[in-house]
N, C-alpha and C. Protein backbone atom coordinates (compact mmCIF):
# COMPACT_ATOMS: atom_id res chain seq x y z
N MET A 1 -16.46 -44.77 -113.78
CA MET A 1 -15.25 -44.09 -114.17
C MET A 1 -14.34 -43.97 -112.95
N SER A 2 -13.10 -44.33 -113.13
CA SER A 2 -12.14 -44.25 -112.02
C SER A 2 -11.75 -42.79 -111.79
N LYS A 3 -11.16 -42.52 -110.61
CA LYS A 3 -10.71 -41.17 -110.28
C LYS A 3 -9.71 -40.67 -111.31
N SER A 4 -8.76 -41.50 -111.67
CA SER A 4 -7.73 -41.07 -112.62
C SER A 4 -8.31 -40.91 -114.03
N GLU A 5 -9.32 -41.70 -114.37
CA GLU A 5 -9.93 -41.57 -115.70
C GLU A 5 -10.59 -40.19 -115.85
N GLY A 6 -11.25 -39.71 -114.80
CA GLY A 6 -11.84 -38.37 -114.83
C GLY A 6 -10.78 -37.30 -114.98
N PHE A 7 -9.66 -37.50 -114.33
CA PHE A 7 -8.54 -36.56 -114.43
C PHE A 7 -8.01 -36.52 -115.86
N TYR A 8 -7.82 -37.68 -116.46
CA TYR A 8 -7.30 -37.73 -117.83
C TYR A 8 -8.30 -37.16 -118.82
N ASN A 9 -9.58 -37.39 -118.59
CA ASN A 9 -10.61 -36.79 -119.46
C ASN A 9 -10.55 -35.26 -119.38
N LEU A 10 -10.39 -34.75 -118.16
CA LEU A 10 -10.28 -33.30 -117.97
C LEU A 10 -9.07 -32.76 -118.73
N LEU A 11 -7.91 -33.40 -118.56
CA LEU A 11 -6.70 -32.95 -119.25
C LEU A 11 -6.89 -32.98 -120.76
N PHE A 12 -7.54 -34.01 -121.26
CA PHE A 12 -7.77 -34.11 -122.69
C PHE A 12 -8.64 -32.96 -123.18
N GLU A 13 -9.71 -32.67 -122.46
CA GLU A 13 -10.64 -31.62 -122.90
C GLU A 13 -10.00 -30.23 -122.85
N ILE A 14 -9.23 -29.95 -121.83
CA ILE A 14 -8.64 -28.60 -121.74
C ILE A 14 -7.39 -28.46 -122.60
N SER A 15 -6.88 -29.58 -123.12
CA SER A 15 -5.68 -29.49 -123.96
C SER A 15 -6.00 -29.02 -125.38
N ASN A 16 -7.25 -29.01 -125.75
CA ASN A 16 -7.64 -28.54 -127.07
C ASN A 16 -7.62 -27.01 -127.08
N GLU A 17 -6.94 -26.40 -128.05
CA GLU A 17 -6.77 -24.95 -128.05
C GLU A 17 -8.11 -24.21 -128.17
N TYR A 18 -9.07 -24.74 -128.91
CA TYR A 18 -10.37 -24.07 -129.03
C TYR A 18 -11.13 -24.10 -127.71
N ARG A 19 -11.12 -25.26 -127.05
CA ARG A 19 -11.82 -25.35 -125.77
C ARG A 19 -11.15 -24.47 -124.72
N HIS A 20 -9.82 -24.42 -124.76
CA HIS A 20 -9.11 -23.56 -123.82
C HIS A 20 -9.47 -22.09 -124.09
N GLU A 21 -9.54 -21.71 -125.37
CA GLU A 21 -9.91 -20.34 -125.71
C GLU A 21 -11.34 -20.02 -125.28
N ILE A 22 -12.24 -20.98 -125.41
CA ILE A 22 -13.62 -20.77 -124.94
C ILE A 22 -13.62 -20.49 -123.45
N LEU A 23 -12.85 -21.27 -122.70
CA LEU A 23 -12.77 -21.04 -121.25
C LEU A 23 -12.25 -19.65 -120.95
N LEU A 24 -11.23 -19.22 -121.67
CA LEU A 24 -10.66 -17.88 -121.45
C LEU A 24 -11.67 -16.79 -121.80
N LEU A 25 -12.45 -16.99 -122.86
CA LEU A 25 -13.49 -16.02 -123.22
C LEU A 25 -14.55 -15.93 -122.12
N LEU A 26 -14.97 -17.09 -121.64
CA LEU A 26 -16.01 -17.11 -120.61
C LEU A 26 -15.50 -16.61 -119.26
N GLN A 27 -14.20 -16.63 -119.09
CA GLN A 27 -13.62 -16.07 -117.87
C GLN A 27 -13.83 -14.55 -117.85
N LYS A 28 -13.81 -13.94 -119.02
CA LYS A 28 -14.01 -12.49 -119.11
C LYS A 28 -15.47 -12.11 -118.94
N LYS A 29 -16.37 -12.86 -119.61
CA LYS A 29 -17.80 -12.59 -119.49
C LYS A 29 -18.61 -13.76 -120.04
N SER A 30 -19.81 -13.89 -119.52
CA SER A 30 -20.72 -14.92 -120.01
C SER A 30 -21.14 -14.57 -121.43
N GLN A 31 -21.30 -15.59 -122.27
CA GLN A 31 -21.65 -15.36 -123.67
C GLN A 31 -22.58 -16.45 -124.18
N ARG A 32 -23.32 -16.10 -125.21
CA ARG A 32 -24.14 -17.08 -125.92
C ARG A 32 -23.28 -17.81 -126.94
N LEU A 33 -23.76 -18.95 -127.36
CA LEU A 33 -23.04 -19.78 -128.32
C LEU A 33 -22.70 -19.00 -129.58
N THR A 34 -23.63 -18.25 -130.13
CA THR A 34 -23.39 -17.51 -131.37
C THR A 34 -22.32 -16.43 -131.18
N ASP A 35 -22.28 -15.81 -130.01
CA ASP A 35 -21.26 -14.80 -129.73
C ASP A 35 -19.87 -15.44 -129.66
N ILE A 36 -19.81 -16.59 -129.04
CA ILE A 36 -18.53 -17.31 -128.94
C ILE A 36 -18.06 -17.70 -130.34
N ALA A 37 -18.98 -18.22 -131.16
CA ALA A 37 -18.64 -18.63 -132.52
C ALA A 37 -18.12 -17.44 -133.32
N LYS A 38 -18.80 -16.31 -133.20
CA LYS A 38 -18.39 -15.11 -133.93
C LYS A 38 -17.01 -14.64 -133.48
N GLU A 39 -16.79 -14.60 -132.18
CA GLU A 39 -15.51 -14.13 -131.65
C GLU A 39 -14.36 -15.04 -132.03
N MET A 40 -14.63 -16.33 -132.12
CA MET A 40 -13.57 -17.29 -132.44
C MET A 40 -13.49 -17.60 -133.93
N ASP A 41 -14.44 -17.05 -134.70
CA ASP A 41 -14.48 -17.27 -136.15
C ASP A 41 -14.62 -18.76 -136.48
N LEU A 42 -15.52 -19.42 -135.74
CA LEU A 42 -15.85 -20.82 -136.00
C LEU A 42 -17.35 -20.92 -136.23
N ASN A 43 -17.79 -21.99 -136.88
CA ASN A 43 -19.23 -22.13 -137.10
C ASN A 43 -19.92 -22.67 -135.84
N ASN A 44 -21.23 -22.48 -135.79
CA ASN A 44 -22.00 -22.88 -134.60
C ASN A 44 -21.89 -24.37 -134.26
N PRO A 45 -21.95 -25.29 -135.24
CA PRO A 45 -21.80 -26.70 -134.88
C PRO A 45 -20.46 -27.02 -134.21
N GLU A 46 -19.38 -26.39 -134.70
CA GLU A 46 -18.07 -26.62 -134.08
C GLU A 46 -18.07 -26.13 -132.63
N ILE A 47 -18.56 -24.94 -132.42
CA ILE A 47 -18.60 -24.37 -131.07
C ILE A 47 -19.51 -25.21 -130.18
N ARG A 48 -20.65 -25.65 -130.71
CA ARG A 48 -21.58 -26.48 -129.94
C ARG A 48 -20.90 -27.76 -129.46
N ARG A 49 -20.09 -28.36 -130.34
CA ARG A 49 -19.38 -29.60 -129.97
C ARG A 49 -18.37 -29.32 -128.85
N HIS A 50 -17.60 -28.23 -128.97
CA HIS A 50 -16.63 -27.90 -127.94
C HIS A 50 -17.32 -27.56 -126.61
N ILE A 51 -18.41 -26.82 -126.70
CA ILE A 51 -19.15 -26.45 -125.49
C ILE A 51 -19.72 -27.69 -124.81
N SER A 52 -20.22 -28.59 -125.61
CA SER A 52 -20.77 -29.83 -125.06
C SER A 52 -19.70 -30.60 -124.27
N ARG A 53 -18.52 -30.66 -124.82
CA ARG A 53 -17.44 -31.38 -124.15
C ARG A 53 -17.03 -30.69 -122.85
N LEU A 54 -16.98 -29.36 -122.88
CA LEU A 54 -16.64 -28.61 -121.66
C LEU A 54 -17.72 -28.75 -120.59
N ARG A 55 -18.97 -28.83 -121.01
CA ARG A 55 -20.06 -29.05 -120.06
C ARG A 55 -19.98 -30.45 -119.44
N GLU A 56 -19.63 -31.44 -120.26
CA GLU A 56 -19.55 -32.82 -119.78
C GLU A 56 -18.54 -32.99 -118.65
N VAL A 57 -17.43 -32.24 -118.71
CA VAL A 57 -16.42 -32.36 -117.65
C VAL A 57 -16.65 -31.34 -116.53
N GLY A 58 -17.75 -30.57 -116.63
CA GLY A 58 -18.14 -29.69 -115.53
C GLY A 58 -17.46 -28.34 -115.48
N LEU A 59 -16.86 -27.90 -116.59
CA LEU A 59 -16.13 -26.63 -116.57
C LEU A 59 -17.03 -25.43 -116.86
N ILE A 60 -18.08 -25.65 -117.65
CA ILE A 60 -19.00 -24.55 -117.96
C ILE A 60 -20.43 -25.02 -117.80
N GLN A 61 -21.34 -24.06 -117.73
CA GLN A 61 -22.76 -24.37 -117.68
C GLN A 61 -23.53 -23.29 -118.42
N ARG A 62 -24.75 -23.61 -118.76
CA ARG A 62 -25.63 -22.70 -119.50
C ARG A 62 -26.75 -22.26 -118.57
N ASP A 63 -27.03 -20.97 -118.56
CA ASP A 63 -28.14 -20.49 -117.72
C ASP A 63 -29.44 -20.47 -118.54
N VAL A 64 -30.54 -20.10 -117.90
CA VAL A 64 -31.85 -20.15 -118.54
C VAL A 64 -31.98 -19.15 -119.70
N GLU A 65 -31.14 -18.14 -119.73
CA GLU A 65 -31.18 -17.15 -120.82
C GLU A 65 -30.27 -17.53 -121.99
N GLY A 66 -29.62 -18.69 -121.89
CA GLY A 66 -28.78 -19.18 -122.98
C GLY A 66 -27.33 -18.73 -122.92
N PHE A 67 -26.94 -18.09 -121.81
CA PHE A 67 -25.56 -17.66 -121.66
C PHE A 67 -24.73 -18.78 -121.03
N TYR A 68 -23.54 -18.97 -121.56
CA TYR A 68 -22.60 -19.93 -120.98
C TYR A 68 -21.65 -19.19 -120.07
N HIS A 69 -21.30 -19.83 -118.98
CA HIS A 69 -20.33 -19.24 -118.05
C HIS A 69 -19.57 -20.35 -117.34
N LEU A 70 -18.45 -19.97 -116.78
CA LEU A 70 -17.64 -20.94 -116.05
C LEU A 70 -18.34 -21.39 -114.78
N THR A 71 -18.17 -22.64 -114.44
CA THR A 71 -18.60 -23.12 -113.13
C THR A 71 -17.49 -22.76 -112.14
N PRO A 72 -17.76 -22.82 -110.85
CA PRO A 72 -16.66 -22.61 -109.89
C PRO A 72 -15.49 -23.58 -110.14
N PHE A 73 -15.81 -24.81 -110.55
CA PHE A 73 -14.78 -25.77 -110.90
C PHE A 73 -13.97 -25.27 -112.09
N GLY A 74 -14.64 -24.73 -113.10
CA GLY A 74 -13.96 -24.19 -114.27
C GLY A 74 -13.05 -23.03 -113.92
N GLU A 75 -13.51 -22.16 -113.02
CA GLU A 75 -12.68 -21.03 -112.57
C GLU A 75 -11.41 -21.54 -111.88
N LEU A 76 -11.58 -22.55 -111.03
CA LEU A 76 -10.43 -23.13 -110.32
C LEU A 76 -9.44 -23.75 -111.29
N ILE A 77 -9.95 -24.50 -112.24
CA ILE A 77 -9.07 -25.15 -113.22
C ILE A 77 -8.29 -24.11 -114.02
N LEU A 78 -8.94 -23.03 -114.43
CA LEU A 78 -8.23 -21.98 -115.18
C LEU A 78 -7.13 -21.35 -114.35
N LYS A 79 -7.38 -21.14 -113.07
CA LYS A 79 -6.33 -20.59 -112.20
C LYS A 79 -5.15 -21.55 -112.13
N GLN A 80 -5.44 -22.82 -112.01
CA GLN A 80 -4.36 -23.81 -111.94
C GLN A 80 -3.64 -23.95 -113.28
N LEU A 81 -4.34 -23.76 -114.37
CA LEU A 81 -3.71 -23.84 -115.69
C LEU A 81 -2.71 -22.72 -115.91
N ARG A 82 -2.95 -21.55 -115.32
CA ARG A 82 -2.01 -20.45 -115.46
C ARG A 82 -0.62 -20.85 -114.95
N GLU A 83 -0.60 -21.62 -113.87
CA GLU A 83 0.68 -22.07 -113.32
C GLU A 83 1.39 -23.00 -114.32
N LEU A 84 0.65 -23.93 -114.88
CA LEU A 84 1.22 -24.86 -115.86
C LEU A 84 1.65 -24.13 -117.12
N GLU A 85 0.85 -23.17 -117.56
CA GLU A 85 1.18 -22.42 -118.77
C GLU A 85 2.48 -21.64 -118.59
N PHE A 86 2.62 -20.99 -117.44
CA PHE A 86 3.84 -20.23 -117.14
C PHE A 86 5.05 -21.17 -117.12
N THR A 87 4.91 -22.28 -116.44
CA THR A 87 6.00 -23.24 -116.34
C THR A 87 6.37 -23.78 -117.73
N SER A 88 5.38 -24.06 -118.53
CA SER A 88 5.62 -24.55 -119.88
C SER A 88 6.33 -23.51 -120.74
N GLN A 89 5.92 -22.25 -120.63
CA GLN A 89 6.55 -21.18 -121.41
C GLN A 89 8.02 -20.98 -121.03
N HIS A 90 8.36 -21.34 -119.81
CA HIS A 90 9.74 -21.15 -119.32
C HIS A 90 10.44 -22.49 -119.06
N ARG A 91 10.07 -23.48 -119.85
CA ARG A 91 10.59 -24.83 -119.63
C ARG A 91 12.11 -24.89 -119.69
N GLU A 92 12.74 -24.11 -120.57
CA GLU A 92 14.20 -24.15 -120.67
C GLU A 92 14.84 -23.74 -119.35
N TYR A 93 14.30 -22.73 -118.71
CA TYR A 93 14.82 -22.29 -117.42
C TYR A 93 14.62 -23.39 -116.37
N PHE A 94 13.42 -23.96 -116.32
CA PHE A 94 13.11 -24.95 -115.29
C PHE A 94 13.77 -26.30 -115.51
N LYS A 95 14.29 -26.54 -116.69
CA LYS A 95 15.03 -27.78 -116.94
C LYS A 95 16.31 -27.82 -116.11
N SER A 96 16.86 -26.65 -115.80
CA SER A 96 18.14 -26.62 -115.09
C SER A 96 18.07 -25.87 -113.75
N HIS A 97 16.88 -25.45 -113.34
CA HIS A 97 16.73 -24.73 -112.07
C HIS A 97 15.66 -25.42 -111.22
N SER A 98 16.06 -25.92 -110.09
CA SER A 98 15.14 -26.62 -109.21
C SER A 98 14.42 -25.65 -108.28
N LEU A 99 13.17 -25.94 -108.02
CA LEU A 99 12.39 -25.16 -107.06
C LEU A 99 12.18 -25.95 -105.77
N ALA A 100 12.94 -26.99 -105.60
CA ALA A 100 12.76 -27.90 -104.47
C ALA A 100 12.88 -27.21 -103.12
N ASN A 101 13.65 -26.14 -103.04
CA ASN A 101 13.83 -25.46 -101.75
C ASN A 101 12.81 -24.36 -101.49
N LEU A 102 11.94 -24.09 -102.45
CA LEU A 102 10.91 -23.08 -102.25
C LEU A 102 9.71 -23.68 -101.55
N PRO A 103 9.05 -22.91 -100.70
CA PRO A 103 7.81 -23.40 -100.08
C PRO A 103 6.75 -23.67 -101.15
N SER A 104 5.93 -24.66 -100.93
CA SER A 104 4.93 -25.06 -101.94
C SER A 104 3.95 -23.94 -102.25
N ASN A 105 3.66 -23.05 -101.29
CA ASN A 105 2.73 -21.96 -101.60
C ASN A 105 3.33 -20.98 -102.61
N PHE A 106 4.66 -20.84 -102.67
CA PHE A 106 5.29 -20.01 -103.69
C PHE A 106 5.21 -20.71 -105.05
N ILE A 107 5.45 -22.00 -105.05
CA ILE A 107 5.41 -22.75 -106.30
C ILE A 107 4.00 -22.72 -106.89
N SER A 108 2.99 -22.81 -106.04
CA SER A 108 1.61 -22.82 -106.53
C SER A 108 1.16 -21.46 -107.04
N GLN A 109 2.00 -20.43 -106.85
CA GLN A 109 1.67 -19.10 -107.35
C GLN A 109 2.73 -18.61 -108.35
N ILE A 110 3.42 -19.52 -108.96
CA ILE A 110 4.55 -19.15 -109.81
C ILE A 110 4.15 -18.30 -111.00
N SER A 111 2.92 -18.43 -111.46
CA SER A 111 2.51 -17.62 -112.61
C SER A 111 2.43 -16.14 -112.27
N ASP A 112 2.47 -15.79 -110.99
CA ASP A 112 2.52 -14.37 -110.61
C ASP A 112 3.78 -13.71 -111.16
N LEU A 113 4.74 -14.51 -111.55
CA LEU A 113 5.98 -13.98 -112.11
C LEU A 113 5.87 -13.68 -113.61
N SER A 114 4.69 -13.88 -114.18
CA SER A 114 4.56 -13.75 -115.64
C SER A 114 4.89 -12.36 -116.16
N GLU A 115 4.78 -11.34 -115.35
CA GLU A 115 5.13 -9.99 -115.78
C GLU A 115 6.58 -9.64 -115.42
N SER A 116 7.30 -10.59 -114.89
CA SER A 116 8.68 -10.36 -114.45
C SER A 116 9.66 -10.45 -115.61
N THR A 117 10.86 -10.00 -115.36
CA THR A 117 11.94 -10.09 -116.33
C THR A 117 13.08 -10.89 -115.72
N LEU A 118 13.53 -11.89 -116.42
CA LEU A 118 14.67 -12.68 -115.96
C LEU A 118 15.95 -11.92 -116.25
N THR A 119 16.74 -11.72 -115.22
CA THR A 119 18.02 -11.03 -115.36
C THR A 119 19.11 -12.01 -114.96
N THR A 120 20.05 -12.24 -115.86
CA THR A 120 21.07 -13.26 -115.60
C THR A 120 22.44 -12.70 -115.28
N ASP A 121 22.65 -11.39 -115.47
CA ASP A 121 23.97 -10.86 -115.14
C ASP A 121 23.88 -9.86 -113.99
N VAL A 122 24.91 -9.76 -113.21
CA VAL A 122 24.93 -8.97 -111.98
C VAL A 122 24.73 -7.48 -112.25
N ILE A 123 25.37 -6.94 -113.25
CA ILE A 123 25.27 -5.51 -113.54
C ILE A 123 23.83 -5.13 -113.88
N SER A 124 23.18 -5.91 -114.72
CA SER A 124 21.78 -5.64 -115.05
C SER A 124 20.89 -5.77 -113.82
N PHE A 125 21.17 -6.76 -113.00
CA PHE A 125 20.42 -6.97 -111.76
C PHE A 125 20.51 -5.73 -110.87
N LEU A 126 21.73 -5.22 -110.65
CA LEU A 126 21.92 -4.04 -109.81
C LEU A 126 21.25 -2.81 -110.42
N TYR A 127 21.38 -2.66 -111.72
CA TYR A 127 20.73 -1.54 -112.40
C TYR A 127 19.22 -1.61 -112.22
N ASN A 128 18.65 -2.80 -112.37
CA ASN A 128 17.20 -2.97 -112.20
C ASN A 128 16.76 -2.64 -110.78
N ILE A 129 17.54 -3.04 -109.80
CA ILE A 129 17.21 -2.72 -108.41
C ILE A 129 17.23 -1.21 -108.20
N GLU A 130 18.27 -0.55 -108.70
CA GLU A 130 18.36 0.91 -108.57
C GLU A 130 17.16 1.58 -109.22
N THR A 131 16.79 1.13 -110.40
CA THR A 131 15.66 1.72 -111.12
C THR A 131 14.36 1.53 -110.34
N VAL A 132 14.13 0.34 -109.83
CA VAL A 132 12.92 0.08 -109.05
C VAL A 132 12.86 0.99 -107.83
N ILE A 133 13.97 1.12 -107.13
CA ILE A 133 14.00 1.96 -105.92
C ILE A 133 13.77 3.43 -106.30
N LYS A 134 14.43 3.90 -107.34
CA LYS A 134 14.29 5.31 -107.75
C LYS A 134 12.85 5.63 -108.17
N GLU A 135 12.20 4.70 -108.86
CA GLU A 135 10.86 4.96 -109.39
C GLU A 135 9.74 4.62 -108.42
N ALA A 136 10.06 4.00 -107.30
CA ALA A 136 9.03 3.59 -106.34
C ALA A 136 8.33 4.81 -105.74
N GLU A 137 7.03 4.68 -105.58
CA GLU A 137 6.25 5.76 -104.98
C GLU A 137 5.65 5.35 -103.65
N LYS A 138 5.34 4.06 -103.47
CA LYS A 138 4.68 3.61 -102.24
C LYS A 138 5.51 2.61 -101.45
N TYR A 139 5.95 1.56 -102.13
CA TYR A 139 6.69 0.51 -101.43
C TYR A 139 7.58 -0.27 -102.38
N VAL A 140 8.55 -0.96 -101.79
CA VAL A 140 9.44 -1.86 -102.52
C VAL A 140 9.51 -3.14 -101.70
N TRP A 141 9.31 -4.26 -102.36
CA TRP A 141 9.43 -5.56 -101.69
C TRP A 141 10.64 -6.27 -102.24
N PHE A 142 11.50 -6.70 -101.35
CA PHE A 142 12.65 -7.53 -101.71
C PHE A 142 12.55 -8.82 -100.93
N ILE A 143 12.88 -9.90 -101.57
CA ILE A 143 13.00 -11.17 -100.87
C ILE A 143 14.48 -11.52 -100.90
N VAL A 144 15.20 -10.91 -99.99
CA VAL A 144 16.65 -11.10 -99.92
C VAL A 144 17.06 -11.13 -98.45
N ASP A 145 18.21 -11.72 -98.19
CA ASP A 145 18.69 -11.74 -96.82
C ASP A 145 19.49 -10.48 -96.49
N GLN A 146 19.91 -9.73 -97.52
CA GLN A 146 20.57 -8.45 -97.30
C GLN A 146 20.44 -7.59 -98.56
N TYR A 147 20.35 -6.28 -98.35
CA TYR A 147 20.24 -5.35 -99.47
C TYR A 147 21.62 -5.15 -100.09
N PRO A 148 21.70 -5.01 -101.41
CA PRO A 148 22.99 -4.70 -102.02
C PRO A 148 23.47 -3.33 -101.52
N VAL A 149 24.67 -3.25 -101.00
CA VAL A 149 25.23 -2.02 -100.42
C VAL A 149 25.22 -0.89 -101.44
N ILE A 150 25.45 -1.19 -102.68
CA ILE A 150 25.50 -0.17 -103.73
C ILE A 150 24.19 0.61 -103.85
N THR A 151 23.09 0.04 -103.38
CA THR A 151 21.78 0.69 -103.50
C THR A 151 21.42 1.51 -102.26
N LEU A 152 22.28 1.54 -101.26
CA LEU A 152 21.95 2.20 -100.00
C LEU A 152 21.53 3.66 -100.17
N SER A 153 22.24 4.42 -100.98
CA SER A 153 21.88 5.84 -101.15
C SER A 153 20.49 5.98 -101.79
N TYR A 154 20.14 5.09 -102.70
CA TYR A 154 18.81 5.12 -103.32
C TYR A 154 17.73 4.75 -102.31
N ILE A 155 18.04 3.79 -101.46
CA ILE A 155 17.09 3.38 -100.42
C ILE A 155 16.83 4.53 -99.46
N VAL A 156 17.88 5.24 -99.04
CA VAL A 156 17.73 6.38 -98.12
C VAL A 156 16.85 7.45 -98.75
N LYS A 157 17.09 7.79 -100.02
CA LYS A 157 16.28 8.80 -100.72
C LYS A 157 14.82 8.36 -100.82
N ALA A 158 14.61 7.10 -101.12
CA ALA A 158 13.24 6.58 -101.23
C ALA A 158 12.54 6.63 -99.88
N LEU A 159 13.24 6.26 -98.81
CA LEU A 159 12.66 6.34 -97.46
C LEU A 159 12.28 7.78 -97.11
N GLU A 160 13.12 8.72 -97.52
CA GLU A 160 12.85 10.14 -97.25
C GLU A 160 11.60 10.63 -97.96
N LYS A 161 11.29 10.07 -99.12
CA LYS A 161 10.06 10.48 -99.81
C LYS A 161 8.85 9.61 -99.44
N GLY A 162 9.03 8.74 -98.42
CA GLY A 162 7.90 7.98 -97.87
C GLY A 162 7.70 6.59 -98.41
N VAL A 163 8.63 6.08 -99.18
CA VAL A 163 8.52 4.72 -99.70
C VAL A 163 8.78 3.73 -98.58
N GLU A 164 7.94 2.72 -98.50
CA GLU A 164 8.12 1.68 -97.48
C GLU A 164 8.89 0.50 -98.07
N PHE A 165 9.74 -0.10 -97.23
CA PHE A 165 10.51 -1.27 -97.64
C PHE A 165 10.14 -2.44 -96.76
């Protein structure tokens, strides 16, 4: 098998929604085949087939007690899939916004933005900054070359109550 053939086999196996769901279940905790089948509402032969395929590409393994769990390779692949999943969910944004100027370590952690909110207008942006500063208890992180002047009074108050910037 060529290097690229193994890559394409891996992509094929993880592209199936049931196999992907099995990986996500096993990421939470090791489970037996029957538990996986019950949780996914599939019959044992179907789950056995999916598990067999995931084992063949090295994503999961079975221990002596019959529990399936992710291999270190499987854990790594799931972490990398989060980045692709986030990018796919926001494809409309990324069709017109380049990340070419961002350092690659930021791009490789882009799914960390999954709990973020996209703000496209200036007024909402400023309001969100004010709210974050007002509600901060420990620290505020900004990745900006300068703070918006309008937020200065909020920053001073936050500093006075011990918030770090």
